């Protein structure tokens, strides 16, 4: 590709990235200011950003996801996952996650999550007969805590718990950026009722177990989790409610000294012998519920299995033909 041809393609990508930006809110003047900031930020890393745009626009599935969430085009220009990450580190982690997702997730599952916004794994029946729904979803709109969300909801689709993570690094590592429970005045009552109906298993423990199941399925041996001080929203909130550090330490994680807690390669679990005899029945029911949830996840990940490799060369992903978003049809949604 000649110099002038390269410049032409770069300008075409940049101009295209200015269209359809419903994530830029406000009056025309405010939107214009946001667009100006975007262009200025682009000039701080022009080659890397144009390469990122090429990566997205050159892949049919990523381009369709971009139609749903145009923030994907510039997530690396904003706070993201770790307060000390610079733009280059953010961009690298985002690219690594989607190379992994495009390679490892079954095509129909990728579409359900990222293009159509939800993949329901199944339902858990609790002690009182009520049900919980487990879903895989993309990050929330304007999210900054990771690229894949595991969510626990009630049957009315009211979110109860979510854990958000990305798969980063060339030797895949799961990086957990969010573990969030219910909020509001009734949050404590909701957590207490859930724990009782899950035979004493805390919902956040179940969410972490699902991440471990995801890691185990994909052969990922390293899991890190963001600490309180490094969380990207800590400075934006006057009160940061979640105490991530305490939970990671409880899970036998250790402070890596860089804002991340390194979690054990395998979850720390009790055996039935560790439990008092009068509590063993509840323990067995907890374990059965956890195993059922993990099986729902792994069964979904095994649908239309693909050959697993650690990564896909960038040129292979970027050479796939793009197609308009409105030509895609839902093929696997619950």
C-alpha atoms as a PDB file:
ATOM      1  CA  UNK A   1       0.000   0.000   0.000  1.00  0.00           C
ATOM      2  CA  UNK A   2       1.433   3.371  -1.037  1.00  0.00           C
ATOM      3  CA  UNK A   3       1.789   6.285   1.347  1.00  0.00           C
ATOM      4  CA  UNK A   4      -1.083   8.221  -0.237  1.00  0.00           C
ATOM      5  CA  UNK A   5      -3.303   5.156  -0.294  1.00  0.00           C
ATOM      6  CA  UNK A   6      -2.575   4.608   3.396  1.00  0.00           C
ATOM      7  CA  UNK A   7      -3.451   8.205   4.217  1.00  0.00           C
ATOM      8  CA  UNK A   8      -6.678   7.921   2.217  1.00  0.00           C
ATOM      9  CA  UNK A   9      -7.758   4.787   4.076  1.00  0.00           C
ATOM     10  CA  UNK A  10      -6.861   6.334   7.431  1.00  0.00           C
ATOM     11  CA  UNK A  11      -8.954   9.427   6.706  1.00  0.00           C
ATOM     12  CA  UNK A  12     -11.831   7.259   5.506  1.00  0.00           C
ATOM     13  CA  UNK A  13     -11.806   5.279   8.759  1.00  0.00           C
ATOM     14  CA  UNK A  14     -11.634   8.449  10.864  1.00  0.00           C
ATOM     15  CA  UNK A  15     -14.508  10.096   9.010  1.00  0.00           C
ATOM     16  CA  UNK A  16     -16.549   6.923   9.292  1.00  0.00           C
ATOM     17  CA  UNK A  17     -15.928   6.807  13.034  1.00  0.00           C
ATOM     18  CA  UNK A  18     -17.625  10.211  13.381  1.00  0.00           C
ATOM     19  CA  UNK A  19     -20.943   8.895  12.078  1.00  0.00           C
ATOM     20  CA  UNK A  20     -23.653   7.167  14.063  1.00  0.00           C
ATOM     21  CA  UNK A  21     -22.268   8.349  17.394  1.00  0.00           C
ATOM     22  CA  UNK A  22     -25.368   8.133  19.554  1.00  0.00           C
ATOM     23  CA  UNK A  23     -23.013   7.778  22.508  1.00  0.00           C
ATOM     24  CA  UNK A  24     -22.215  11.485  22.121  1.00  0.00           C
ATOM     25  CA  UNK A  25     -25.057  13.142  24.010  1.00  0.00           C
ATOM     26  CA  UNK A  26     -26.195  16.736  24.320  1.00  0.00           C
ATOM     27  CA  UNK A  27     -26.824  19.781  22.190  1.00  0.00           C
ATOM     28  CA  UNK A  28     -25.217  20.122  18.750  1.00  0.00           C
ATOM     29  CA  UNK A  29     -22.588  22.378  20.324  1.00  0.00           C
ATOM     30  CA  UNK A  30     -21.780  19.844  23.029  1.00  0.00           C
ATOM     31  CA  UNK A  31     -21.629  17.022  20.503  1.00  0.00           C
ATOM     32  CA  UNK A  32     -19.294  19.121  18.397  1.00  0.00           C
ATOM     33  CA  UNK A  33     -17.007  19.632  21.382  1.00  0.00           C
ATOM     34  CA  UNK A  34     -17.013  15.897  22.087  1.00  0.00           C
ATOM     35  CA  UNK A  35     -16.125  15.200  18.453  1.00  0.00           C
ATOM     36  CA  UNK A  36     -13.287  17.729  18.649  1.00  0.00           C
ATOM     37  CA  UNK A  37     -11.907  16.023  21.759  1.00  0.00           C
ATOM     38  CA  UNK A  38     -12.120  12.694  19.973  1.00  0.00           C
ATOM     39  CA  UNK A  39     -10.096  14.012  17.029  1.00  0.00           C
ATOM     40  CA  UNK A  40      -7.488  15.550  19.334  1.00  0.00           C
ATOM     41  CA  UNK A  41      -7.158  12.264  21.229  1.00  0.00           C
ATOM     42  CA  UNK A  42      -6.801  10.441  17.937  1.00  0.00           C
ATOM     43  CA  UNK A  43      -3.818  12.652  17.090  1.00  0.00           C
ATOM     44  CA  UNK A  44      -2.073  11.447  20.254  1.00  0.00           C
ATOM     45  CA  UNK A  45      -1.793   7.919  18.816  1.00  0.00           C
ATOM     46  CA  UNK A  46      -2.825   8.098  15.139  1.00  0.00           C
ATOM     47  CA  UNK A  47      -1.292   4.860  13.864  1.00  0.00           C
ATOM     48  CA  UNK A  48      -2.565   2.746  16.741  1.00  0.00           C
ATOM     49  CA  UNK A  49      -6.046   4.249  16.592  1.00  0.00           C
ATOM     50  CA  UNK A  50      -6.394   3.816  12.835  1.00  0.00           C
ATOM     51  CA  UNK A  51      -5.229   0.217  13.231  1.00  0.00           C
ATOM     52  CA  UNK A  52      -7.946  -0.238  15.868  1.00  0.00           C
ATOM     53  CA  UNK A  53     -10.593   1.210  13.542  1.00  0.00           C
ATOM     54  CA  UNK A  54      -9.377  -1.125  10.794  1.00  0.00           C
ATOM     55  CA  UNK A  55      -9.637  -4.052  13.212  1.00  0.00           C
ATOM     56  CA  UNK A  56     -13.274  -3.198  13.981  1.00  0.00           C
ATOM     57  CA  UNK A  57     -14.514  -2.154  10.543  1.00  0.00           C
ATOM     58  CA  UNK A  58     -12.700  -5.043   8.889  1.00  0.00           C
ATOM     59  CA  UNK A  59     -14.515  -7.695  10.895  1.00  0.00           C
ATOM     60  CA  UNK A  60     -18.200  -8.308  10.231  1.00  0.00           C
ATOM     61  CA  UNK A  61     -19.069  -9.267  13.801  1.00  0.00           C
ATOM     62  CA  UNK A  62     -17.113  -6.466  15.451  1.00  0.00           C
ATOM     63  CA  UNK A  63     -18.588  -3.935  13.048  1.00  0.00           C
ATOM     64  CA  UNK A  64     -22.068  -5.149  13.955  1.00  0.00           C
ATOM     65  CA  UNK A  65     -21.232  -4.784  17.650  1.00  0.00           C
ATOM     66  CA  UNK A  66     -19.920  -1.302  16.925  1.00  0.00           C
ATOM     67  CA  UNK A  67     -23.381  -0.433  15.589  1.00  0.00           C
ATOM     68  CA  UNK A  68     -24.796  -1.406  18.975  1.00  0.00           C
ATOM     69  CA  UNK A  69     -22.064   0.267  21.030  1.00  0.00           C
ATOM     70  CA  UNK A  70     -20.049   2.898  19.122  1.00  0.00           C
ATOM     71  CA  UNK A  71     -18.038   3.555  22.268  1.00  0.00           C
ATOM     72  CA  UNK A  72     -16.050   0.491  21.231  1.00  0.00           C
ATOM     73  CA  UNK A  73     -14.294   2.782  18.757  1.00  0.00           C
ATOM     74  CA  UNK A  74     -12.769   4.918  21.504  1.00  0.00           C
ATOM     75  CA  UNK A  75     -13.011   3.022  24.779  1.00  0.00           C
ATOM     76  CA  UNK A  76      -9.227   3.321  25.145  1.00  0.00           C
ATOM     77  CA  UNK A  77      -9.434   7.126  25.239  1.00  0.00           C
ATOM     78  CA  UNK A  78     -11.297   7.037  28.551  1.00  0.00           C
ATOM     79  CA  UNK A  79     -10.741   5.582  32.012  1.00  0.00           C
ATOM     80  CA  UNK A  80     -10.827   1.838  31.734  1.00  0.00           C
ATOM     81  CA  UNK A  81     -10.274  -1.113  34.096  1.00  0.00           C
ATOM     82  CA  UNK A  82      -7.212   0.291  35.909  1.00  0.00           C
ATOM     83  CA  UNK A  83      -6.486   3.913  36.812  1.00  0.00           C
ATOM     84  CA  UNK A  84      -2.800   3.561  35.960  1.00  0.00           C
ATOM     85  CA  UNK A  85      -3.318   2.175  32.476  1.00  0.00           C
ATOM     86  CA  UNK A  86      -2.390   4.578  29.704  1.00  0.00           C
ATOM     87  CA  UNK A  87      -4.151   4.670  26.348  1.00  0.00           C
ATOM     88  CA  UNK A  88      -1.792   2.158  24.811  1.00  0.00           C
ATOM     89  CA  UNK A  89      -2.396  -0.363  27.604  1.00  0.00           C
ATOM     90  CA  UNK A  90      -6.164   0.113  27.367  1.00  0.00           C
ATOM     91  CA  UNK A  91      -6.138  -0.357  23.611  1.00  0.00           C
ATOM     92  CA  UNK A  92      -3.977  -3.444  23.836  1.00  0.00           C
ATOM     93  CA  UNK A  93      -6.253  -5.094  26.405  1.00  0.00           C
ATOM     94  CA  UNK A  94      -9.375  -4.372  24.333  1.00  0.00           C
ATOM     95  CA  UNK A  95      -7.807  -5.789  21.179  1.00  0.00           C
ATOM     96  CA  UNK A  96      -6.615  -8.871  23.047  1.00  0.00           C
ATOM     97  CA  UNK A  97     -10.058  -9.538  24.480  1.00  0.00           C
ATOM     98  CA  UNK A  98     -11.808  -9.409  21.111  1.00  0.00           C
ATOM     99  CA  UNK A  99      -9.166 -11.520  19.408  1.00  0.00           C
ATOM    100  CA  UNK A 100      -9.810 -14.088  22.113  1.00  0.00           C
ATOM    101  CA  UNK A 101     -13.598 -13.766  21.837  1.00  0.00           C
ATOM    102  CA  UNK A 102     -13.595 -14.039  18.041  1.00  0.00           C
ATOM    103  CA  UNK A 103     -11.399 -17.119  18.261  1.00  0.00           C
ATOM    104  CA  UNK A 104     -12.782 -18.933  21.290  1.00  0.00           C
ATOM    105  CA  UNK A 105     -16.495 -18.146  21.509  1.00  0.00           C
ATOM    106  CA  UNK A 106     -18.823 -20.004  19.156  1.00  0.00           C
ATOM    107  CA  UNK A 107     -19.940 -17.630  16.408  1.00  0.00           C
ATOM    108  CA  UNK A 108     -23.607 -17.732  17.363  1.00  0.00           C
ATOM    109  CA  UNK A 109     -22.742 -17.123  21.009  1.00  0.00           C
ATOM    110  CA  UNK A 110     -20.567 -14.125  20.107  1.00  0.00           C
ATOM    111  CA  UNK A 111     -23.454 -12.706  18.082  1.00  0.00           C
ATOM    112  CA  UNK A 112     -25.971 -13.277  20.867  1.00  0.00           C
ATOM    113  CA  UNK A 113     -23.772 -11.488  23.409  1.00  0.00           C
ATOM    114  CA  UNK A 114     -22.291  -8.616  21.471  1.00  0.00           C
ATOM    115  CA  UNK A 115     -24.630  -8.001  18.543  1.00  0.00           C
ATOM    116  CA  UNK A 116     -27.990  -8.747  20.153  1.00  0.00           C
ATOM    117  CA  UNK A 117     -27.081  -7.969  23.752  1.00  0.00           C
ATOM    118  CA  UNK A 118     -27.901 -11.152  25.667  1.00  0.00           C
ATOM    119  CA  UNK A 119     -27.260 -14.877  25.790  1.00  0.00           C
ATOM    120  CA  UNK A 120     -29.283 -16.678  28.439  1.00  0.00           C
ATOM    121  CA  UNK A 121     -27.420 -19.671  29.844  1.00  0.00           C
ATOM    122  CA  UNK A 122     -30.361 -21.071  31.782  1.00  0.00           C
ATOM    123  CA  UNK A 123     -32.253 -20.941  35.062  1.00  0.00           C
ATOM    124  CA  UNK A 124     -31.524 -22.028  38.621  1.00  0.00           C
ATOM    125  CA  UNK A 125     -34.351 -23.126  40.911  1.00  0.00           C
ATOM    126  CA  UNK A 126     -33.858 -21.943  44.479  1.00  0.00           C
ATOM    127  CA  UNK A 127     -34.936 -23.266  47.855  1.00  0.00           C
ATOM    128  CA  UNK A 128     -38.270 -21.415  47.827  1.00  0.00           C
ATOM    129  CA  UNK A 129     -39.077 -22.470  44.262  1.00  0.00           C
ATOM    130  CA  UNK A 130     -38.197 -19.122  42.699  1.00  0.00           C
ATOM    131  CA  UNK A 131     -35.805 -18.978  39.767  1.00  0.00           C
ATOM    132  CA  UNK A 132     -32.699 -17.037  38.835  1.00  0.00           C
ATOM    133  CA  UNK A 133     -31.523 -16.437  35.288  1.00  0.00           C
ATOM    134  CA  UNK A 134     -27.848 -16.524  34.304  1.00  0.00           C
ATOM    135  CA  UNK A 135     -26.823 -14.513  31.245  1.00  0.00           C
ATOM    136  CA  UNK A 136     -23.755 -13.458  29.315  1.00  0.00           C
ATOM    137  CA  UNK A 137     -23.949  -9.854  28.157  1.00  0.00           C
ATOM    138  CA  UNK A 138     -21.733  -7.127  26.707  1.00  0.00           C
ATOM    139  CA  UNK A 139     -20.533  -4.342  28.997  1.00  0.00           C
ATOM    140  CA  UNK A 140     -23.087  -1.732  30.005  1.00  0.00           C
ATOM    141  CA  UNK A 141     -23.380   1.414  27.882  1.00  0.00           C
ATOM    142  CA  UNK A 142     -20.292   3.582  28.439  1.00  0.00           C
ATOM    143  CA  UNK A 143     -18.908   0.843  30.681  1.00  0.00           C
ATOM    144  CA  UNK A 144     -15.270   0.881  31.728  1.00  0.00           C
ATOM    145  CA  UNK A 145     -14.792  -2.305  33.775  1.00  0.00           C
ATOM    146  CA  UNK A 146     -14.297  -5.011  31.156  1.00  0.00           C
ATOM    147  CA  UNK A 147     -15.722  -6.476  27.963  1.00  0.00           C
ATOM    148  CA  UNK A 148     -17.774  -9.476  29.113  1.00  0.00           C
ATOM    149  CA  UNK A 149     -20.472  -9.544  31.780  1.00  0.00           C
ATOM    150  CA  UNK A 150     -21.889 -12.537  33.635  1.00  0.00           C
ATOM    151  CA  UNK A 151     -25.211 -11.484  35.132  1.00  0.00           C
ATOM    152  CA  UNK A 152     -27.587 -13.034  37.644  1.00  0.00           C
ATOM    153  CA  UNK A 153     -31.178 -11.788  37.314  1.00  0.00           C
ATOM    154  CA  UNK A 154     -34.616 -12.642  38.613  1.00  0.00           C
ATOM    155  CA  UNK A 155     -37.301 -13.940  36.261  1.00  0.00           C
ATOM    156  CA  UNK A 156     -38.451 -10.361  35.619  1.00  0.00           C
ATOM    157  CA  UNK A 157     -34.971  -9.569  34.267  1.00  0.00           C
ATOM    158  CA  UNK A 158     -34.128  -7.389  37.258  1.00  0.00           C
ATOM    159  CA  UNK A 159     -30.317  -7.523  37.590  1.00  0.00           C
ATOM    160  CA  UNK A 160     -29.176  -8.819  40.963  1.00  0.00           C
ATOM    161  CA  UNK A 161     -25.462  -9.505  40.550  1.00  0.00           C
ATOM    162  CA  UNK A 162     -22.926  -9.041  37.797  1.00  0.00           C
ATOM    163  CA  UNK A 163     -19.252  -9.738  37.378  1.00  0.00           C
ATOM    164  CA  UNK A 164     -17.421  -8.068  34.493  1.00  0.00           C
ATOM    165  CA  UNK A 165     -14.086  -9.175  33.106  1.00  0.00           C
ATOM    166  CA  UNK A 166     -11.831  -9.211  30.061  1.00  0.00           C
ATOM    167  CA  UNK A 167      -9.433 -11.793  28.703  1.00  0.00           C
ATOM    168  CA  UNK A 168      -6.121 -10.002  28.271  1.00  0.00           C
ATOM    169  CA  UNK A 169      -2.470 -10.748  27.460  1.00  0.00           C
ATOM    170  CA  UNK A 170      -1.055 -13.015  24.761  1.00  0.00           C
ATOM    171  CA  UNK A 171      -0.900 -15.828  27.309  1.00  0.00           C
ATOM    172  CA  UNK A 172      -4.560 -15.387  28.317  1.00  0.00           C
ATOM    173  CA  UNK A 173      -5.312 -13.881  31.713  1.00  0.00           C
ATOM    174  CA  UNK A 174      -8.755 -13.087  33.070  1.00  0.00           C
ATOM    175  CA  UNK A 175      -8.885  -9.570  34.515  1.00  0.00           C
ATOM    176  CA  UNK A 176     -11.929  -8.916  36.712  1.00  0.00           C
ATOM    177  CA  UNK A 177     -12.961  -5.266  36.783  1.00  0.00           C
ATOM    178  CA  UNK A 178     -16.343  -5.364  38.523  1.00  0.00           C
ATOM    179  CA  UNK A 179     -18.307  -7.430  41.032  1.00  0.00           C
ATOM    180  CA  UNK A 180     -21.567  -5.651  41.730  1.00  0.00           C
ATOM    181  CA  UNK A 181     -24.625  -6.615  43.733  1.00  0.00           C
ATOM    182  CA  UNK A 182     -28.024  -4.987  44.179  1.00  0.00           C
ATOM    183  CA  UNK A 183     -28.276  -1.362  45.225  1.00  0.00           C
ATOM    184  CA  UNK A 184     -30.905   0.754  46.900  1.00  0.00           C
ATOM    185  CA  UNK A 185     -32.552   0.699  50.297  1.00  0.00           C
ATOM    186  CA  UNK A 186     -33.469  -2.990  50.087  1.00  0.00           C
ATOM    187  CA  UNK A 187     -30.060  -4.210  48.901  1.00  0.00           C
ATOM    188  CA  UNK A 188     -29.100  -5.905  52.180  1.00  0.00           C
ATOM    189  CA  UNK A 189     -32.465  -7.641  52.427  1.00  0.00           C
ATOM    190  CA  UNK A 190     -32.140  -8.842  48.832  1.00  0.00           C
ATOM    191  CA  UNK A 191     -28.677 -10.297  49.461  1.00  0.00           C
ATOM    192  CA  UNK A 192     -29.835 -11.958  52.678  1.00  0.00           C
ATOM    193  CA  UNK A 193     -32.865 -13.529  50.980  1.00  0.00           C
ATOM    194  CA  UNK A 194     -30.759 -14.725  48.053  1.00  0.00           C
ATOM    195  CA  UNK A 195     -28.180 -16.275  50.356  1.00  0.00           C
ATOM    196  CA  UNK A 196     -30.872 -18.090  52.323  1.00  0.00           C
ATOM    197  CA  UNK A 197     -32.539 -19.379  49.154  1.00  0.00           C
ATOM    198  CA  UNK A 198     -29.166 -20.544  47.811  1.00  0.00           C
ATOM    199  CA  UNK A 199     -28.701 -22.745  50.906  1.00  0.00           C
ATOM    200  CA  UNK A 200     -26.197 -20.347  52.439  1.00  0.00           C
ATOM    201  CA  UNK A 201     -24.095 -19.666  49.338  1.00  0.00           C
ATOM    202  CA  UNK A 202     -23.387 -15.977  48.845  1.00  0.00           C
ATOM    203  CA  UNK A 203     -24.324 -14.723  45.371  1.00  0.00           C
ATOM    204  CA  UNK A 204     -20.930 -13.076  44.830  1.00  0.00           C
ATOM    205  CA  UNK A 205     -19.284 -16.412  45.582  1.00  0.00           C
ATOM    206  CA  UNK A 206     -21.372 -17.992  42.845  1.00  0.00           C
ATOM    207  CA  UNK A 207     -20.376 -15.256  40.387  1.00  0.00           C
ATOM    208  CA  UNK A 208     -16.684 -15.808  41.064  1.00  0.00           C
ATOM    209  CA  UNK A 209     -17.178 -19.571  40.699  1.00  0.00           C
ATOM    210  CA  UNK A 210     -18.611 -18.953  37.229  1.00  0.00           C
ATOM    211  CA  UNK A 211     -15.522 -16.963  36.244  1.00  0.00           C
ATOM    212  CA  UNK A 212     -13.376 -19.864  37.404  1.00  0.00           C
ATOM    213  CA  UNK A 213     -15.535 -22.206  35.308  1.00  0.00           C
ATOM    214  CA  UNK A 214     -15.031 -19.941  32.286  1.00  0.00           C
ATOM    215  CA  UNK A 215     -11.275 -19.964  32.880  1.00  0.00           C
ATOM    216  CA  UNK A 216     -11.183 -23.729  33.334  1.00  0.00           C
ATOM    217  CA  UNK A 217     -13.126 -24.309  30.122  1.00  0.00           C
ATOM    218  CA  UNK A 218     -10.678 -22.206  28.108  1.00  0.00           C
ATOM    219  CA  UNK A 219      -7.546 -23.431  29.829  1.00  0.00           C
ATOM    220  CA  UNK A 220      -6.810 -20.047  31.408  1.00  0.00           C
ATOM    221  CA  UNK A 221      -4.618 -20.437  34.469  1.00  0.00           C
ATOM    222  CA  UNK A 222      -4.182 -16.836  35.637  1.00  0.00           C
ATOM    223  CA  UNK A 223      -6.914 -14.652  37.126  1.00  0.00           C
ATOM    224  CA  UNK A 224      -6.365 -11.139  38.451  1.00  0.00           C
ATOM    225  CA  UNK A 225      -8.900  -8.764  39.998  1.00  0.00           C
ATOM    226  CA  UNK A 226      -8.763  -5.004  40.351  1.00  0.00           C
ATOM    227  CA  UNK A 227      -8.254  -3.575  43.835  1.00  0.00           C
ATOM    228  CA  UNK A 228     -10.064  -0.664  45.428  1.00  0.00           C
ATOM    229  CA  UNK A 229      -7.370   1.933  44.762  1.00  0.00           C
ATOM    230  CA  UNK A 230      -6.966   1.005  41.089  1.00  0.00           C
ATOM    231  CA  UNK A 231     -10.648   0.867  40.139  1.00  0.00           C
ATOM    232  CA  UNK A 232     -11.374   3.394  37.353  1.00  0.00           C
ATOM    233  CA  UNK A 233     -14.552   4.690  39.007  1.00  0.00           C
ATOM    234  CA  UNK A 234     -13.086   5.225  42.459  1.00  0.00           C
ATOM    235  CA  UNK A 235     -12.117   8.831  41.753  1.00  0.00           C
ATOM    236  CA  UNK A 236     -15.424   9.545  40.042  1.00  0.00           C
ATOM    237  CA  UNK A 237     -17.544   8.558  43.031  1.00  0.00           C
ATOM    238  CA  UNK A 238     -17.548  10.394  46.327  1.00  0.00           C
ATOM    239  CA  UNK A 239     -18.130   7.057  48.058  1.00  0.00           C
ATOM    240  CA  UNK A 240     -16.870   3.823  46.541  1.00  0.00           C
ATOM    241  CA  UNK A 241     -19.214   1.288  48.086  1.00  0.00           C
ATOM    242  CA  UNK A 242     -17.620  -2.004  47.083  1.00  0.00           C
ATOM    243  CA  UNK A 243     -14.717  -3.305  49.146  1.00  0.00           C
ATOM    244  CA  UNK A 244     -13.019  -5.411  46.515  1.00  0.00           C
ATOM    245  CA  UNK A 245      -9.802  -5.811  48.486  1.00  0.00           C
ATOM    246  CA  UNK A 246     -11.507  -7.614  51.370  1.00  0.00           C
ATOM    247  CA  UNK A 247     -13.263 -10.083  49.084  1.00  0.00           C
ATOM    248  CA  UNK A 248     -10.146 -10.872  47.032  1.00  0.00           C
ATOM    249  CA  UNK A 249      -8.168 -11.439  50.223  1.00  0.00           C
ATOM    250  CA  UNK A 250     -10.938 -13.690  51.523  1.00  0.00           C
ATOM    251  CA  UNK A 251     -10.534 -15.733  48.336  1.00  0.00           C
ATOM    252  CA  UNK A 252      -6.833 -16.188  49.185  1.00  0.00           C
ATOM    253  CA  UNK A 253      -5.753 -13.669  46.578  1.00  0.00           C
ATOM    254  CA  UNK A 254      -2.592 -11.675  47.150  1.00  0.00           C
ATOM    255  CA  UNK A 255      -1.830  -8.070  46.345  1.00  0.00           C
ATOM    256  CA  UNK A 256       0.394  -7.983  43.293  1.00  0.00           C
ATOM    257  CA  UNK A 257       1.607  -4.494  44.162  1.00  0.00           C
ATOM    258  CA  UNK A 258       0.385  -3.038  40.867  1.00  0.00           C
ATOM    259  CA  UNK A 259      -3.273  -2.488  41.725  1.00  0.00           C
ATOM    260  CA  UNK A 260      -4.225  -6.062  40.838  1.00  0.00           C
ATOM    261  CA  UNK A 261      -4.917  -8.939  43.195  1.00  0.00           C
ATOM    262  CA  UNK A 262      -3.682 -12.290  41.909  1.00  0.00           C
ATOM    263  CA  UNK A 263      -6.264 -14.974  42.671  1.00  0.00           C
ATOM    264  CA  UNK A 264      -5.441 -18.660  43.163  1.00  0.00           C
ATOM    265  CA  UNK A 265      -5.398 -20.759  40.009  1.00  0.00           C
ATOM    266  CA  UNK A 266      -8.108 -22.941  41.542  1.00  0.00           C
ATOM    267  CA  UNK A 267     -10.934 -21.727  43.811  1.00  0.00           C
ATOM    268  CA  UNK A 268     -10.559 -22.453  47.507  1.00  0.00           C
ATOM    269  CA  UNK A 269     -13.452 -24.694  48.533  1.00  0.00           C
ATOM    270  CA  UNK A 270     -14.470 -26.681  51.568  1.00  0.00           C
ATOM    271  CA  UNK A 271     -15.127 -30.383  51.375  1.00  0.00           C
ATOM    272  CA  UNK A 272     -18.029 -32.105  53.082  1.00  0.00           C
ATOM    273  CA  UNK A 273     -15.606 -33.343  55.744  1.00  0.00           C
ATOM    274  CA  UNK A 274     -14.836 -29.714  56.651  1.00  0.00           C
ATOM    275  CA  UNK A 275     -18.487 -29.027  57.483  1.00  0.00           C
ATOM    276  CA  UNK A 276     -20.233 -29.881  60.741  1.00  0.00           C
ATOM    277  CA  UNK A 277     -22.505 -32.900  60.376  1.00  0.00           C
ATOM    278  CA  UNK A 278     -25.669 -30.892  61.073  1.00  0.00           C
ATOM    279  CA  UNK A 279     -24.841 -28.546  58.153  1.00  0.00           C
ATOM    280  CA  UNK A 280     -23.816 -31.119  55.561  1.00  0.00           C
ATOM    281  CA  UNK A 281     -27.227 -31.372  53.933  1.00  0.00           C
ATOM    282  CA  UNK A 282     -27.210 -27.632  53.176  1.00  0.00           C
ATOM    283  CA  UNK A 283     -23.594 -27.919  51.997  1.00  0.00           C
ATOM    284  CA  UNK A 284     -24.515 -30.632  49.485  1.00  0.00           C
ATOM    285  CA  UNK A 285     -27.388 -28.526  48.172  1.00  0.00           C
ATOM    286  CA  UNK A 286     -25.088 -25.501  47.812  1.00  0.00           C
ATOM    287  CA  UNK A 287     -22.573 -27.550  45.889  1.00  0.00           C
ATOM    288  CA  UNK A 288     -25.285 -29.002  43.655  1.00  0.00           C
ATOM    289  CA  UNK A 289     -26.538 -25.497  42.861  1.00  0.00           C
ATOM    290  CA  UNK A 290     -23.023 -24.242  42.104  1.00  0.00           C
ATOM    291  CA  UNK A 291     -22.242 -27.212  39.878  1.00  0.00           C
ATOM    292  CA  UNK A 292     -25.532 -26.761  38.028  1.00  0.00           C
ATOM    293  CA  UNK A 293     -24.717 -23.095  37.359  1.00  0.00           C
ATOM    294  CA  UNK A 294     -21.224 -23.956  36.126  1.00  0.00           C
ATOM    295  CA  UNK A 295     -22.622 -26.658  33.853  1.00  0.00           C
ATOM    296  CA  UNK A 296     -25.052 -24.159  32.325  1.00  0.00           C
ATOM    297  CA  UNK A 297     -22.094 -21.936  31.483  1.00  0.00           C
ATOM    298  CA  UNK A 298     -19.819 -24.629  30.104  1.00  0.00           C
ATOM    299  CA  UNK A 299     -22.650 -26.190  28.072  1.00  0.00           C
ATOM    300  CA  UNK A 300     -23.202 -22.811  26.418  1.00  0.00           C
ATOM    301  CA  UNK A 301     -19.497 -22.357  25.720  1.00  0.00           C
ATOM    302  CA  UNK A 302     -19.398 -25.783  24.064  1.00  0.00           C
ATOM    303  CA  UNK A 303     -22.154 -25.043  21.545  1.00  0.00           C
ATOM    304  CA  UNK A 304     -20.673 -25.282  18.051  1.00  0.00           C
ATOM    305  CA  UNK A 305     -17.146 -25.763  19.440  1.00  0.00           C
ATOM    306  CA  UNK A 306     -14.259 -24.294  17.513  1.00  0.00           C
ATOM    307  CA  UNK A 307     -10.601 -25.266  17.332  1.00  0.00           C
ATOM    308  CA  UNK A 308      -8.814 -23.510  20.156  1.00  0.00           C
ATOM    309  CA  UNK A 309      -5.671 -21.479  19.686  1.00  0.00           C
ATOM    310  CA  UNK A 310      -4.243 -18.862  21.993  1.00  0.00           C
ATOM    311  CA  UNK A 311      -4.741 -16.004  19.572  1.00  0.00           C
ATOM    312  CA  UNK A 312      -5.517 -15.214  15.957  1.00  0.00           C
ATOM    313  CA  UNK A 313      -3.105 -13.199  13.830  1.00  0.00           C
ATOM    314  CA  UNK A 314      -4.343  -9.653  13.436  1.00  0.00           C
ATOM    315  CA  UNK A 315      -4.201  -9.805   9.643  1.00  0.00           C
ATOM    316  CA  UNK A 316      -6.624 -12.747   9.605  1.00  0.00           C
ATOM    317  CA  UNK A 317      -9.212 -10.952  11.733  1.00  0.00           C
ATOM    318  CA  UNK A 318      -8.814  -7.646   9.943  1.00  0.00           C
ATOM    319  CA  UNK A 319      -9.163  -9.169   6.481  1.00  0.00           C
ATOM    320  CA  UNK A 320     -12.669 -10.535   7.006  1.00  0.00           C
ATOM    321  CA  UNK A 321     -15.236  -8.842   4.855  1.00  0.00           C
ATOM    322  CA  UNK A 322     -17.457  -6.334   6.603  1.00  0.00           C
ATOM    323  CA  UNK A 323     -21.211  -6.368   6.100  1.00  0.00           C
ATOM    324  CA  UNK A 324     -23.863  -3.780   7.004  1.00  0.00           C
ATOM    325  CA  UNK A 325     -25.333  -4.126  10.483  1.00  0.00           C
ATOM    326  CA  UNK A 326     -28.899  -4.247   9.247  1.00  0.00           C
ATOM    327  CA  UNK A 327     -28.245  -7.421   7.255  1.00  0.00           C
ATOM    328  CA  UNK A 328     -27.532  -9.491  10.340  1.00  0.00           C
ATOM    329  CA  UNK A 329     -30.337 -11.660  11.624  1.00  0.00           C
ATOM    330  CA  UNK A 330     -30.690 -12.985  15.141  1.00  0.00           C
ATOM    331  CA  UNK A 331     -29.656 -16.619  15.088  1.00  0.00           C
ATOM    332  CA  UNK A 332     -29.310 -17.646  18.740  1.00  0.00           C
ATOM    333  CA  UNK A 333     -31.081 -15.614  21.398  1.00  0.00           C
ATOM    334  CA  UNK A 334     -32.999 -16.674  24.482  1.00  0.00           C
END
